[in-house]
Amino acid sequence: MIDPKYSKGTVEGDKKTKWICGCFQTTDDYFKFCDKHNDILKKAIQTQIDELDMTLQIKD
């Protein structure tokens, strides 16, 4: 299997897409956000998880 030219091996994984700001997506669909966007995107993702009810309450 030939790796795409745009993939780049990193500690975070193989980079598939890198945006101008420094955020990127890896070939295994992991997203890494730059310092500028990390907090706001983290809040957006958490809001969507809550809205879509994608979690379960686990009692210890």
C-alpha atoms as a PDB file:
ATOM      1  CA  MET A   1       0.000   0.000   0.000  1.00  0.00           C
ATOM      2  CA  ILE A   2       1.419   3.378  -0.985  1.00  0.00           C
ATOM      3  CA  ASP A   3       1.134   6.166   1.582  1.00  0.00           C
ATOM      4  CA  PRO A   4      -0.345   9.410   0.271  1.00  0.00           C
ATOM      5  CA  LYS A   5       2.222  12.163  -0.309  1.00  0.00           C
ATOM      6  CA  TYR A   6       0.399  14.439   2.111  1.00  0.00           C
ATOM      7  CA  SER A   7       0.745  12.061   5.081  1.00  0.00           C
ATOM      8  CA  LYS A   8       3.496  12.845   7.547  1.00  0.00           C
ATOM      9  CA  GLY A   9       4.461  10.721  10.517  1.00  0.00           C
ATOM     10  CA  THR A  10       4.425  12.607  13.822  1.00  0.00           C
ATOM     11  CA  VAL A  11       4.143  11.863  17.523  1.00  0.00           C
ATOM     12  CA  GLU A  12       0.416  12.587  17.165  1.00  0.00           C
ATOM     13  CA  GLY A  13       0.036  10.236  14.182  1.00  0.00           C
ATOM     14  CA  ASP A  14       0.274  10.510  10.414  1.00  0.00           C
ATOM     15  CA  LYS A  15      -0.789  13.990   9.331  1.00  0.00           C
ATOM     16  CA  LYS A  16      -3.397  13.924   6.593  1.00  0.00           C
ATOM     17  CA  THR A  17      -4.453  17.561   6.404  1.00  0.00           C
ATOM     18  CA  LYS A  18      -2.836  20.654   7.866  1.00  0.00           C
ATOM     19  CA  TRP A  19      -4.634  23.959   7.891  1.00  0.00           C
ATOM     20  CA  ILE A  20      -3.018  27.398   7.723  1.00  0.00           C
ATOM     21  CA  CYS A  21      -3.521  27.971  11.464  1.00  0.00           C
ATOM     22  CA  GLY A  22      -1.637  24.827  12.516  1.00  0.00           C
ATOM     23  CA  CYS A  23      -4.608  22.563  13.275  1.00  0.00           C
ATOM     24  CA  PHE A  24      -4.429  19.200  11.528  1.00  0.00           C
ATOM     25  CA  GLN A  25      -6.192  15.887  10.984  1.00  0.00           C
ATOM     26  CA  THR A  26      -4.305  12.592  11.048  1.00  0.00           C
ATOM     27  CA  THR A  27      -4.855   9.664   8.691  1.00  0.00           C
ATOM     28  CA  ASP A  28      -6.718   7.852  11.481  1.00  0.00           C
ATOM     29  CA  ASP A  29      -9.133  10.826  11.810  1.00  0.00           C
ATOM     30  CA  TYR A  30      -7.604  12.262  14.972  1.00  0.00           C
ATOM     31  CA  PHE A  31      -7.842  16.054  15.124  1.00  0.00           C
ATOM     32  CA  LYS A  32      -5.118  18.175  16.694  1.00  0.00           C
ATOM     33  CA  PHE A  33      -5.972  21.827  17.222  1.00  0.00           C
ATOM     34  CA  CYS A  34      -3.532  24.726  17.456  1.00  0.00           C
ATOM     35  CA  ASP A  35      -3.293  26.882  20.602  1.00  0.00           C
ATOM     36  CA  LYS A  36      -5.454  29.576  19.008  1.00  0.00           C
ATOM     37  CA  HIS A  37      -8.410  27.259  18.351  1.00  0.00           C
ATOM     38  CA  ASN A  38      -8.034  24.541  21.000  1.00  0.00           C
ATOM     39  CA  ASP A  39     -10.249  26.042  23.737  1.00  0.00           C
ATOM     40  CA  ILE A  40     -13.128  27.144  21.500  1.00  0.00           C
ATOM     41  CA  LEU A  41     -13.197  23.869  19.545  1.00  0.00           C
ATOM     42  CA  LYS A  42     -13.030  21.854  22.773  1.00  0.00           C
ATOM     43  CA  LYS A  43     -16.099  23.734  24.051  1.00  0.00           C
ATOM     44  CA  ALA A  44     -17.913  23.213  20.726  1.00  0.00           C
ATOM     45  CA  ILE A  45     -17.210  19.466  20.763  1.00  0.00           C
ATOM     46  CA  GLN A  46     -18.313  19.108  24.396  1.00  0.00           C
ATOM     47  CA  THR A  47     -21.530  21.013  23.632  1.00  0.00           C
ATOM     48  CA  GLN A  48     -22.289  18.720  20.688  1.00  0.00           C
ATOM     49  CA  ILE A  49     -21.620  15.603  22.784  1.00  0.00           C
ATOM     50  CA  ASP A  50     -24.031  16.882  25.457  1.00  0.00           C
ATOM     51  CA  GLU A  51     -26.659  17.885  22.887  1.00  0.00           C
ATOM     52  CA  LEU A  52     -26.489  14.555  21.075  1.00  0.00           C
ATOM     53  CA  ASP A  53     -26.616  12.654  24.394  1.00  0.00           C
ATOM     54  CA  MET A  54     -23.575  10.532  23.532  1.00  0.00           C
ATOM     55  CA  THR A  55     -22.556   9.729  27.108  1.00  0.00           C
ATOM     56  CA  LEU A  56     -23.673   7.396  29.868  1.00  0.00           C
ATOM     57  CA  GLN A  57     -23.658   8.137  33.588  1.00  0.00           C
ATOM     58  CA  ILE A  58     -21.453   5.613  35.384  1.00  0.00           C
ATOM     59  CA  LYS A  59     -21.784   5.208  39.131  1.00  0.00           C
ATOM     60  CA  ASP A  60     -18.683   4.130  41.050  1.00  0.00           C
END
